[in-house]
Structures are given as C-alpha cells and as structure tokens.
Amino acid sequence: WGFLVVGTLAVFGLGRRLLDPAAGLLAAFLFATAPFVVFSLLHFQLD
C-alpha cells in the first residue's frame, strides 16, 4: 500500500508539473485504478 501511495503521488506530481493539476489528478486516478496495479496489490510481486 505504501508503494501505491508513493506511485500515485508521484504520478500526480508529474502530471501537475508537466500539464496542470486536473491532468495530474486524472493521471493519478488512472494509475491507482489500473487493473494491473490492483492485481499487484493482491498478489505480491516487485512490479
């Protein structure tokens, strides 16, 4: 869960820095709800 939080905040910050806050929020939402990310939360892998 910590890696999910770190990844989501980093994607949000990157989107906000490169485009705008709305794009960062959308990118963070899409990252956090991506099927493989959810799968990785349920099954331990280093991905």
All heavy atoms as atom14 arrays in JSON, in Angstrom:
{
  "sequence": "WGFLVVGTLAVFGLGRRLLDPAAGLLAAFLFATAPFVVFSLLHFQLD",
  "atom14_mask": [
    [1, 1, 1, 1, 1, 1, 1, 1, 1, 1, 1, 1, 1, 1],
    [1, 1, 1, 1, 0, 0, 0, 0, 0, 0, 0, 0, 0, 0],
    [1, 1, 1, 1, 1, 1, 1, 1, 1, 1, 1, 0, 0, 0],
    [1, 1, 1, 1, 1, 1, 1, 1, 0, 0, 0, 0, 0, 0],
    [1, 1, 1, 1, 1, 1, 1, 0, 0, 0, 0, 0, 0, 0],
    [1, 1, 1, 1, 1, 1, 1, 0, 0, 0, 0, 0, 0, 0],
    [1, 1, 1, 1, 0, 0, 0, 0, 0, 0, 0, 0, 0, 0],
    [1, 1, 1, 1, 1, 1, 1, 0, 0, 0, 0, 0, 0, 0],
    [1, 1, 1, 1, 1, 1, 1, 1, 0, 0, 0, 0, 0, 0],
    [1, 1, 1, 1, 1, 0, 0, 0, 0, 0, 0, 0, 0, 0],
    [1, 1, 1, 1, 1, 1, 1, 0, 0, 0, 0, 0, 0, 0],
    [1, 1, 1, 1, 1, 1, 1, 1, 1, 1, 1, 0, 0, 0],
    [1, 1, 1, 1, 0, 0, 0, 0, 0, 0, 0, 0, 0, 0],
    [1, 1, 1, 1, 1, 1, 1, 1, 0, 0, 0, 0, 0, 0],
    [1, 1, 1, 1, 0, 0, 0, 0, 0, 0, 0, 0, 0, 0],
    [1, 1, 1, 1, 1, 1, 1, 1, 1, 1, 1, 0, 0, 0],
    [1, 1, 1, 1, 1, 1, 1, 1, 1, 1, 1, 0, 0, 0],
    [1, 1, 1, 1, 1, 1, 1, 1, 0, 0, 0, 0, 0, 0],
    [1, 1, 1, 1, 1, 1, 1, 1, 0, 0, 0, 0, 0, 0],
    [1, 1, 1, 1, 1, 1, 1, 1, 0, 0, 0, 0, 0, 0],
    [1, 1, 1, 1, 1, 1, 1, 0, 0, 0, 0, 0, 0, 0],
    [1, 1, 1, 1, 1, 0, 0, 0, 0, 0, 0, 0, 0, 0],
    [1, 1, 1, 1, 1, 0, 0, 0, 0, 0, 0, 0, 0, 0],
    [1, 1, 1, 1, 0, 0, 0, 0, 0, 0, 0, 0, 0, 0],
    [1, 1, 1, 1, 1, 1, 1, 1, 0, 0, 0, 0, 0, 0],
    [1, 1, 1, 1, 1, 1, 1, 1, 0, 0, 0, 0, 0, 0],
    [1, 1, 1, 1, 1, 0, 0, 0, 0, 0, 0, 0, 0, 0],
    [1, 1, 1, 1, 1, 0, 0, 0, 0, 0, 0, 0, 0, 0],
    [1, 1, 1, 1, 1, 1, 1, 1, 1, 1, 1, 0, 0, 0],
    [1, 1, 1, 1, 1, 1, 1, 1, 0, 0, 0, 0, 0, 0],
    [1, 1, 1, 1, 1, 1, 1, 1, 1, 1, 1, 0, 0, 0],
    [1, 1, 1, 1, 1, 0, 0, 0, 0, 0, 0, 0, 0, 0],
    [1, 1, 1, 1, 1, 1, 1, 0, 0, 0, 0, 0, 0, 0],
    [1, 1, 1, 1, 1, 0, 0, 0, 0, 0, 0, 0, 0, 0],
    [1, 1, 1, 1, 1, 1, 1, 0, 0, 0, 0, 0, 0, 0],
    [1, 1, 1, 1, 1, 1, 1, 1, 1, 1, 1, 0, 0, 0],
    [1, 1, 1, 1, 1, 1, 1, 0, 0, 0, 0, 0, 0, 0],
    [1, 1, 1, 1, 1, 1, 1, 0, 0, 0, 0, 0, 0, 0],
    [1, 1, 1, 1, 1, 1, 1, 1, 1, 1, 1, 0, 0, 0],
    [1, 1, 1, 1, 1, 1, 0, 0, 0, 0, 0, 0, 0, 0],
    [1, 1, 1, 1, 1, 1, 1, 1, 0, 0, 0, 0, 0, 0],
    [1, 1, 1, 1, 1, 1, 1, 1, 0, 0, 0, 0, 0, 0],
    [1, 1, 1, 1, 1, 1, 1, 1, 1, 1, 0, 0, 0, 0],
    [1, 1, 1, 1, 1, 1, 1, 1, 1, 1, 1, 0, 0, 0],
    [1, 1, 1, 1, 1, 1, 1, 1, 1, 0, 0, 0, 0, 0],
    [1, 1, 1, 1, 1, 1, 1, 1, 0, 0, 0, 0, 0, 0],
    [1, 1, 1, 1, 1, 1, 1, 1, 0, 0, 0, 0, 0, 0]
  ],
  "atom14_positions": [
    [[0.83, -1.21, 0.0], [0.0, 0.0, 0.0], [0.86, 1.26, 0.0], [0.49, 2.27, -0.61], [-0.94, -0.01, 1.2], [-2.08, -0.95, 1.02], [-2.17, -2.22, 1.5], [-3.27, -0.71, 0.28], [-3.36, -2.78, 1.1], [-4.05, -1.87, 0.35], [-3.75, 0.37, -0.45], [-5.28, -1.99, -0.26], [-4.99, 0.25, -1.06], [-5.74, -0.91, -0.97]],
    [[2.0, 1.19, 0.66], [2.9, 2.33, 0.65], [3.42, 2.65, -0.75], [3.51, 3.82, -1.14], [0.0, 0.0, 0.0], [0.0, 0.0, 0.0], [0.0, 0.0, 0.0], [0.0, 0.0, 0.0], [0.0, 0.0, 0.0], [0.0, 0.0, 0.0], [0.0, 0.0, 0.0], [0.0, 0.0, 0.0], [0.0, 0.0, 0.0], [0.0, 0.0, 0.0]],
    [[3.75, 1.6, -1.49], [4.2, 1.82, -2.87], [3.07, 2.37, -3.74], [3.32, 3.17, -4.64], [4.76, 0.54, -3.47], [6.11, 0.18, -2.95], [6.3, -0.94, -2.17], [7.21, 0.97, -3.24], [7.55, -1.28, -1.68], [8.47, 0.66, -2.76], [8.63, -0.47, -1.97], [0.0, 0.0, 0.0], [0.0, 0.0, 0.0], [0.0, 0.0, 0.0]],
    [[1.84, 1.96, -3.46], [0.71, 2.52, -4.2], [0.57, 4.01, -3.92], [0.36, 4.8, -4.85], [-0.59, 1.78, -3.84], [-1.86, 2.34, -4.49], [-1.83, 2.11, -5.99], [-3.09, 1.72, -3.87], [0.0, 0.0, 0.0], [0.0, 0.0, 0.0], [0.0, 0.0, 0.0], [0.0, 0.0, 0.0], [0.0, 0.0, 0.0], [0.0, 0.0, 0.0]],
    [[0.71, 4.4, -2.66], [0.61, 5.81, -2.3], [1.75, 6.6, -2.93], [1.52, 7.68, -3.51], [0.59, 5.97, -0.77], [0.73, 7.42, -0.36], [-0.68, 5.37, -0.19], [0.0, 0.0, 0.0], [0.0, 0.0, 0.0], [0.0, 0.0, 0.0], [0.0, 0.0, 0.0], [0.0, 0.0, 0.0], [0.0, 0.0, 0.0], [0.0, 0.0, 0.0]],
    [[2.97, 6.09, -2.84], [4.12, 6.79, -3.41], [3.97, 6.94, -4.92], [4.19, 8.01, -5.49], [5.43, 6.05, -3.06], [6.6, 6.57, -3.89], [5.73, 6.2, -1.59], [0.0, 0.0, 0.0], [0.0, 0.0, 0.0], [0.0, 0.0, 0.0], [0.0, 0.0, 0.0], [0.0, 0.0, 0.0], [0.0, 0.0, 0.0], [0.0, 0.0, 0.0]],
    [[3.58, 5.86, -5.59], [3.4, 5.91, -7.04], [2.3, 6.86, -7.46], [2.44, 7.62, -8.41], [0.0, 0.0, 0.0], [0.0, 0.0, 0.0], [0.0, 0.0, 0.0], [0.0, 0.0, 0.0], [0.0, 0.0, 0.0], [0.0, 0.0, 0.0], [0.0, 0.0, 0.0], [0.0, 0.0, 0.0], [0.0, 0.0, 0.0], [0.0, 0.0, 0.0]],
    [[1.19, 6.84, -6.72], [0.06, 7.71, -7.06], [0.43, 9.18, -6.86], [0.13, 10.02, -7.71], [-1.16, 7.35, -6.2], [-1.48, 5.97, -6.41], [-2.36, 8.19, -6.57], [0.0, 0.0, 0.0], [0.0, 0.0, 0.0], [0.0, 0.0, 0.0], [0.0, 0.0, 0.0], [0.0, 0.0, 0.0], [0.0, 0.0, 0.0], [0.0, 0.0, 0.0]],
    [[1.11, 9.49, -5.76], [1.52, 10.88, -5.53], [2.57, 11.33, -6.54], [2.55, 12.49, -6.98], [2.05, 11.03, -4.1], [1.01, 10.92, -3.0], [1.68, 10.99, -1.64], [-0.06, 11.99, -3.14], [0.0, 0.0, 0.0], [0.0, 0.0, 0.0], [0.0, 0.0, 0.0], [0.0, 0.0, 0.0], [0.0, 0.0, 0.0], [0.0, 0.0, 0.0]],
    [[3.46, 10.44, -6.93], [4.47, 10.81, -7.93], [3.84, 11.05, -9.29], [4.21, 12.0, -9.98], [5.54, 9.72, -8.02], [0.0, 0.0, 0.0], [0.0, 0.0, 0.0], [0.0, 0.0, 0.0], [0.0, 0.0, 0.0], [0.0, 0.0, 0.0], [0.0, 0.0, 0.0], [0.0, 0.0, 0.0], [0.0, 0.0, 0.0], [0.0, 0.0, 0.0]],
    [[2.87, 10.22, -9.66], [2.19, 10.41, -10.95], [1.38, 11.71, -10.92], [1.36, 12.46, -11.89], [1.31, 9.2, -11.28], [0.37, 9.48, -12.42], [2.19, 8.0, -11.62], [0.0, 0.0, 0.0], [0.0, 0.0, 0.0], [0.0, 0.0, 0.0], [0.0, 0.0, 0.0], [0.0, 0.0, 0.0], [0.0, 0.0, 0.0], [0.0, 0.0, 0.0]],
    [[0.74, 11.98, -9.77], [0.01, 13.24, -9.64], [0.95, 14.44, -9.78], [0.68, 15.39, -10.5], [-0.74, 13.3, -8.31], [-1.3, 14.66, -8.01], [-2.4, 15.13, -8.71], [-0.72, 15.47, -7.05], [-2.91, 16.39, -8.46], [-1.23, 16.73, -6.79], [-2.32, 17.19, -7.49], [0.0, 0.0, 0.0], [0.0, 0.0, 0.0], [0.0, 0.0, 0.0]],
    [[2.09, 14.39, -9.07], [3.05, 15.49, -9.14], [3.63, 15.68, -10.52], [3.82, 16.8, -10.98], [0.0, 0.0, 0.0], [0.0, 0.0, 0.0], [0.0, 0.0, 0.0], [0.0, 0.0, 0.0], [0.0, 0.0, 0.0], [0.0, 0.0, 0.0], [0.0, 0.0, 0.0], [0.0, 0.0, 0.0], [0.0, 0.0, 0.0], [0.0, 0.0, 0.0]],
    [[3.89, 14.58, -11.2], [4.43, 14.67, -12.56], [3.41, 15.26, -13.52], [3.74, 16.14, -14.32], [4.86, 13.28, -13.02], [5.7, 13.17, -14.28], [6.99, 13.96, -14.13], [6.0, 11.72, -14.58], [0.0, 0.0, 0.0], [0.0, 0.0, 0.0], [0.0, 0.0, 0.0], [0.0, 0.0, 0.0], [0.0, 0.0, 0.0], [0.0, 0.0, 0.0]],
    [[2.16, 14.82, -13.43], [1.12, 15.37, -14.29], [0.86, 16.84, -14.0], [0.65, 17.64, -14.9], [0.0, 0.0, 0.0], [0.0, 0.0, 0.0], [0.0, 0.0, 0.0], [0.0, 0.0, 0.0], [0.0, 0.0, 0.0], [0.0, 0.0, 0.0], [0.0, 0.0, 0.0], [0.0, 0.0, 0.0], [0.0, 0.0, 0.0], [0.0, 0.0, 0.0]],
    [[0.89, 17.2, -12.7], [0.67, 18.59, -12.33], [1.82, 19.46, -12.8], [1.61, 20.58, -13.25], [0.53, 18.69, -10.82], [0.17, 20.09, -10.35], [0.17, 20.17, -8.87], [1.57, 20.04, -8.44], [1.94, 19.94, -7.19], [1.04, 19.89, -6.25], [3.21, 19.85, -6.88], [0.0, 0.0, 0.0], [0.0, 0.0, 0.0], [0.0, 0.0, 0.0]],
    [[3.03, 18.94, -12.73], [4.2, 19.73, -13.14], [4.27, 19.91, -14.65], [4.63, 20.97, -15.14], [5.47, 19.06, -12.64], [6.72, 19.77, -13.02], [7.64, 19.85, -11.85], [8.88, 20.5, -12.21], [9.16, 21.74, -11.85], [8.31, 22.42, -11.14], [10.31, 22.27, -12.2], [0.0, 0.0, 0.0], [0.0, 0.0, 0.0], [0.0, 0.0, 0.0]],
    [[3.95, 18.86, -15.4], [4.07, 18.93, -16.85], [2.87, 19.57, -17.52], [3.02, 20.23, -18.55], [4.31, 17.53, -17.41], [5.61, 16.86, -16.99], [5.72, 15.48, -17.6], [6.81, 17.72, -17.38], [0.0, 0.0, 0.0], [0.0, 0.0, 0.0], [0.0, 0.0, 0.0], [0.0, 0.0, 0.0], [0.0, 0.0, 0.0], [0.0, 0.0, 0.0]],
    [[1.66, 19.37, -16.97], [0.47, 19.94, -17.6], [-0.25, 20.88, -16.65], [-0.02, 22.08, -16.67], [-0.46, 18.82, -18.08], [0.11, 17.95, -19.2], [-0.82, 16.78, -19.5], [0.35, 18.77, -20.44], [0.0, 0.0, 0.0], [0.0, 0.0, 0.0], [0.0, 0.0, 0.0], [0.0, 0.0, 0.0], [0.0, 0.0, 0.0], [0.0, 0.0, 0.0]],
    [[-1.16, 20.36, -15.84], [-1.9, 21.17, -14.87], [-2.45, 20.26, -13.78], [-2.37, 19.03, -13.9], [-3.01, 21.97, -15.55], [-4.04, 21.13, -16.28], [-3.97, 19.89, -16.22], [-4.93, 21.71, -16.9], [0.0, 0.0, 0.0], [0.0, 0.0, 0.0], [0.0, 0.0, 0.0], [0.0, 0.0, 0.0], [0.0, 0.0, 0.0], [0.0, 0.0, 0.0]],
    [[-3.0, 20.81, -12.7], [-3.48, 19.96, -11.6], [-4.58, 18.99, -12.01], [-4.64, 17.87, -11.49], [-3.99, 20.97, -10.57], [-3.21, 22.2, -10.84], [-3.0, 22.23, -12.32], [0.0, 0.0, 0.0], [0.0, 0.0, 0.0], [0.0, 0.0, 0.0], [0.0, 0.0, 0.0], [0.0, 0.0, 0.0], [0.0, 0.0, 0.0], [0.0, 0.0, 0.0]],
    [[-5.45, 19.38, -12.93], [-6.51, 18.46, -13.37], [-5.92, 17.24, -14.08], [-6.38, 16.11, -13.87], [-7.49, 19.19, -14.28], [0.0, 0.0, 0.0], [0.0, 0.0, 0.0], [0.0, 0.0, 0.0], [0.0, 0.0, 0.0], [0.0, 0.0, 0.0], [0.0, 0.0, 0.0], [0.0, 0.0, 0.0], [0.0, 0.0, 0.0], [0.0, 0.0, 0.0]],
    [[-4.92, 17.46, -14.9], [-4.28, 16.35, -15.59], [-3.55, 15.45, -14.59], [-3.56, 14.21, -14.73], [-3.3, 16.86, -16.64], [0.0, 0.0, 0.0], [0.0, 0.0, 0.0], [0.0, 0.0, 0.0], [0.0, 0.0, 0.0], [0.0, 0.0, 0.0], [0.0, 0.0, 0.0], [0.0, 0.0, 0.0], [0.0, 0.0, 0.0], [0.0, 0.0, 0.0]],
    [[-2.93, 16.03, -13.58], [-2.27, 15.24, -12.56], [-3.25, 14.39, -11.77], [-2.98, 13.23, -11.47], [0.0, 0.0, 0.0], [0.0, 0.0, 0.0], [0.0, 0.0, 0.0], [0.0, 0.0, 0.0], [0.0, 0.0, 0.0], [0.0, 0.0, 0.0], [0.0, 0.0, 0.0], [0.0, 0.0, 0.0], [0.0, 0.0, 0.0], [0.0, 0.0, 0.0]],
    [[-4.4, 14.96, -11.46], [-5.42, 14.21, -10.74], [-5.96, 13.06, -11.58], [-6.14, 11.95, -11.08], [-6.55, 15.15, -10.32], [-7.58, 14.6, -9.37], [-6.92, 14.17, -8.07], [-8.66, 15.62, -9.12], [0.0, 0.0, 0.0], [0.0, 0.0, 0.0], [0.0, 0.0, 0.0], [0.0, 0.0, 0.0], [0.0, 0.0, 0.0], [0.0, 0.0, 0.0]],
    [[-6.21, 13.3, -12.86], [-6.68, 12.24, -13.74], [-5.62, 11.14, -13.9], [-5.95, 9.95, -13.85], [-7.05, 12.81, -15.12], [-7.54, 11.81, -16.15], [-8.84, 11.14, -15.69], [-7.72, 12.47, -17.5], [0.0, 0.0, 0.0], [0.0, 0.0, 0.0], [0.0, 0.0, 0.0], [0.0, 0.0, 0.0], [0.0, 0.0, 0.0], [0.0, 0.0, 0.0]],
    [[-4.38, 11.54, -14.06], [-3.3, 10.55, -14.2], [-3.17, 9.71, -12.93], [-2.98, 8.49, -12.99], [-1.98, 11.24, -14.52], [0.0, 0.0, 0.0], [0.0, 0.0, 0.0], [0.0, 0.0, 0.0], [0.0, 0.0, 0.0], [0.0, 0.0, 0.0], [0.0, 0.0, 0.0], [0.0, 0.0, 0.0], [0.0, 0.0, 0.0], [0.0, 0.0, 0.0]],
    [[-3.27, 10.34, -11.76], [-3.18, 9.61, -10.5], [-4.35, 8.65, -10.34], [-4.18, 7.51, -9.88], [-3.13, 10.59, -9.33], [0.0, 0.0, 0.0], [0.0, 0.0, 0.0], [0.0, 0.0, 0.0], [0.0, 0.0, 0.0], [0.0, 0.0, 0.0], [0.0, 0.0, 0.0], [0.0, 0.0, 0.0], [0.0, 0.0, 0.0], [0.0, 0.0, 0.0]],
    [[-5.54, 9.07, -10.72], [-6.71, 8.2, -10.64], [-6.55, 7.0, -11.56], [-6.81, 5.85, -11.18], [-7.98, 8.97, -10.98], [-9.2, 8.12, -11.06], [-9.81, 7.65, -9.91], [-9.73, 7.76, -12.29], [-10.93, 6.84, -9.97], [-10.85, 6.96, -12.37], [-11.45, 6.49, -11.21], [0.0, 0.0, 0.0], [0.0, 0.0, 0.0], [0.0, 0.0, 0.0]],
    [[-6.12, 7.25, -12.8], [-5.94, 6.15, -13.74], [-4.84, 5.21, -13.3], [-4.94, 3.99, -13.5], [-5.65, 6.71, -15.14], [-6.82, 7.43, -15.81], [-6.37, 8.02, -17.14], [-8.0, 6.5, -16.01], [0.0, 0.0, 0.0], [0.0, 0.0, 0.0], [0.0, 0.0, 0.0], [0.0, 0.0, 0.0], [0.0, 0.0, 0.0], [0.0, 0.0, 0.0]],
    [[-3.79, 5.74, -12.69], [-2.72, 4.89, -12.18], [-3.22, 4.0, -11.05], [-2.97, 2.79, -11.04], [-1.55, 5.74, -11.7], [-0.48, 4.96, -10.99], [0.44, 4.22, -11.71], [-0.4, 4.96, -9.61], [1.42, 3.49, -11.06], [0.57, 4.22, -8.95], [1.48, 3.5, -9.68], [0.0, 0.0, 0.0], [0.0, 0.0, 0.0], [0.0, 0.0, 0.0]],
    [[-3.9, 4.6, -10.1], [-4.32, 3.85, -8.9], [-5.39, 2.82, -9.2], [-5.51, 1.84, -8.46], [-4.82, 4.82, -7.84], [0.0, 0.0, 0.0], [0.0, 0.0, 0.0], [0.0, 0.0, 0.0], [0.0, 0.0, 0.0], [0.0, 0.0, 0.0], [0.0, 0.0, 0.0], [0.0, 0.0, 0.0], [0.0, 0.0, 0.0], [0.0, 0.0, 0.0]],
    [[-6.16, 3.02, -10.25], [-7.24, 2.08, -10.56], [-6.93, 1.18, -11.75], [-7.82, 0.45, -12.2], [-8.55, 2.84, -10.84], [-8.35, 3.73, -11.93], [-9.0, 3.62, -9.61], [0.0, 0.0, 0.0], [0.0, 0.0, 0.0], [0.0, 0.0, 0.0], [0.0, 0.0, 0.0], [0.0, 0.0, 0.0], [0.0, 0.0, 0.0], [0.0, 0.0, 0.0]],
    [[-5.71, 1.23, -12.23], [-5.34, 0.36, -13.36], [-5.43, -1.11, -12.92], [-5.06, -1.45, -11.79], [-3.93, 0.67, -13.82], [0.0, 0.0, 0.0], [0.0, 0.0, 0.0], [0.0, 0.0, 0.0], [0.0, 0.0, 0.0], [0.0, 0.0, 0.0], [0.0, 0.0, 0.0], [0.0, 0.0, 0.0], [0.0, 0.0, 0.0], [0.0, 0.0, 0.0]],
    [[-5.93, -1.98, -13.78], [-6.12, -3.38, -13.38], [-4.85, -4.06, -12.9], [-4.89, -4.82, -11.93], [-6.66, -4.04, -14.65], [-7.29, -2.93, -15.42], [-6.49, -1.71, -15.11], [0.0, 0.0, 0.0], [0.0, 0.0, 0.0], [0.0, 0.0, 0.0], [0.0, 0.0, 0.0], [0.0, 0.0, 0.0], [0.0, 0.0, 0.0], [0.0, 0.0, 0.0]],
    [[-3.73, -3.81, -13.53], [-2.51, -4.48, -13.1], [-2.03, -3.96, -11.74], [-1.45, -4.71, -10.96], [-1.4, -4.34, -14.14], [-0.23, -5.22, -13.83], [-0.32, -6.59, -14.03], [0.94, -4.71, -13.31], [0.75, -7.42, -13.73], [2.0, -5.52, -13.01], [1.91, -6.89, -13.23], [0.0, 0.0, 0.0], [0.0, 0.0, 0.0], [0.0, 0.0, 0.0]],
    [[-2.27, -2.69, -11.46], [-1.9, -2.15, -10.15], [-2.74, -2.8, -9.06], [-2.24, -3.19, -8.01], [-2.04, -0.61, -10.15], [-1.87, -0.05, -8.76], [-1.02, 0.0, -11.09], [0.0, 0.0, 0.0], [0.0, 0.0, 0.0], [0.0, 0.0, 0.0], [0.0, 0.0, 0.0], [0.0, 0.0, 0.0], [0.0, 0.0, 0.0], [0.0, 0.0, 0.0]],
    [[-4.04, -2.93, -9.32], [-4.92, -3.59, -8.35], [-4.52, -5.06, -8.18], [-4.48, -5.57, -7.06], [-6.39, -3.45, -8.78], [-7.31, -4.25, -7.88], [-6.79, -1.98, -8.81], [0.0, 0.0, 0.0], [0.0, 0.0, 0.0], [0.0, 0.0, 0.0], [0.0, 0.0, 0.0], [0.0, 0.0, 0.0], [0.0, 0.0, 0.0], [0.0, 0.0, 0.0]],
    [[-4.18, -5.72, -9.27], [-3.73, -7.1, -9.19], [-2.44, -7.21, -8.38], [-2.27, -8.13, -7.59], [-3.52, -7.66, -10.61], [-2.98, -9.06, -10.63], [-3.82, -10.14, -10.44], [-1.63, -9.29, -10.83], [-3.33, -11.43, -10.45], [-1.13, -10.58, -10.85], [-1.99, -11.66, -10.66], [0.0, 0.0, 0.0], [0.0, 0.0, 0.0], [0.0, 0.0, 0.0]],
    [[-1.54, -6.25, -8.57], [-0.28, -6.28, -7.83], [-0.48, -6.04, -6.34], [0.34, -6.46, -5.53], [0.68, -5.24, -8.39], [1.07, -5.59, -9.7], [0.0, 0.0, 0.0], [0.0, 0.0, 0.0], [0.0, 0.0, 0.0], [0.0, 0.0, 0.0], [0.0, 0.0, 0.0], [0.0, 0.0, 0.0], [0.0, 0.0, 0.0], [0.0, 0.0, 0.0]],
    [[-1.55, -5.34, -5.98], [-1.85, -5.16, -4.56], [-2.29, -6.46, -3.92], [-2.02, -6.71, -2.74], [-2.96, -4.12, -4.38], [-2.54, -2.67, -4.47], [-3.76, -1.78, -4.42], [-1.59, -2.32, -3.35], [0.0, 0.0, 0.0], [0.0, 0.0, 0.0], [0.0, 0.0, 0.0], [0.0, 0.0, 0.0], [0.0, 0.0, 0.0], [0.0, 0.0, 0.0]],
    [[-2.95, -7.29, -4.68], [-3.49, -8.53, -4.14], [-2.48, -9.67, -4.15], [-2.57, -10.59, -3.33], [-4.74, -8.95, -4.92], [-5.88, -7.93, -4.89], [-7.01, -8.39, -5.79], [-6.36, -7.7, -3.47], [0.0, 0.0, 0.0], [0.0, 0.0, 0.0], [0.0, 0.0, 0.0], [0.0, 0.0, 0.0], [0.0, 0.0, 0.0], [0.0, 0.0, 0.0]],
    [[-1.56, -9.65, -5.07], [-0.56, -10.71, -5.21], [0.82, -10.06, -5.17], [1.14, -9.21, -6.0], [-0.73, -11.46, -6.53], [-2.1, -12.01, -6.71], [-2.55, -13.11, -6.04], [-3.13, -11.59, -7.48], [-3.79, -13.36, -6.39], [-4.17, -12.45, -7.27], [0.0, 0.0, 0.0], [0.0, 0.0, 0.0], [0.0, 0.0, 0.0], [0.0, 0.0, 0.0]],
    [[1.64, -10.48, -4.22], [2.94, -9.84, -4.04], [3.85, -10.11, -5.24], [4.13, -11.25, -5.59], [3.63, -10.34, -2.77], [4.97, -9.71, -2.58], [5.06, -8.4, -2.15], [6.13, -10.41, -2.84], [6.31, -7.8, -1.99], [7.37, -9.83, -2.68], [7.46, -8.52, -2.25], [0.0, 0.0, 0.0], [0.0, 0.0, 0.0], [0.0, 0.0, 0.0]],
    [[4.28, -9.03, -5.85], [5.26, -9.04, -6.93], [6.08, -7.76, -6.79], [5.66, -6.81, -6.12], [4.58, -9.03, -8.29], [3.73, -10.23, -8.56], [2.99, -10.09, -9.89], [3.01, -9.04, -10.52], [2.35, -11.14, -10.3], [0.0, 0.0, 0.0], [0.0, 0.0, 0.0], [0.0, 0.0, 0.0], [0.0, 0.0, 0.0], [0.0, 0.0, 0.0]],
    [[7.2, -7.69, -7.43], [8.01, -6.47, -7.37], [7.65, -5.47, -8.46], [8.34, -4.46, -8.62], [9.5, -6.83, -7.47], [10.1, -7.43, -6.22], [11.56, -7.77, -6.46], [9.98, -6.5, -5.05], [0.0, 0.0, 0.0], [0.0, 0.0, 0.0], [0.0, 0.0, 0.0], [0.0, 0.0, 0.0], [0.0, 0.0, 0.0], [0.0, 0.0, 0.0]],
    [[6.58, -5.72, -9.19], [6.22, -4.81, -10.26], [5.64, -3.5, -9.74], [5.91, -2.43, -10.3], [5.23, -5.48, -11.22], [5.87, -6.63, -11.96], [7.08, -6.57, -12.19], [5.17, -7.6, -12.29], [0.0, 0.0, 0.0], [0.0, 0.0, 0.0], [0.0, 0.0, 0.0], [0.0, 0.0, 0.0], [0.0, 0.0, 0.0], [0.0, 0.0, 0.0]]
  ]
}
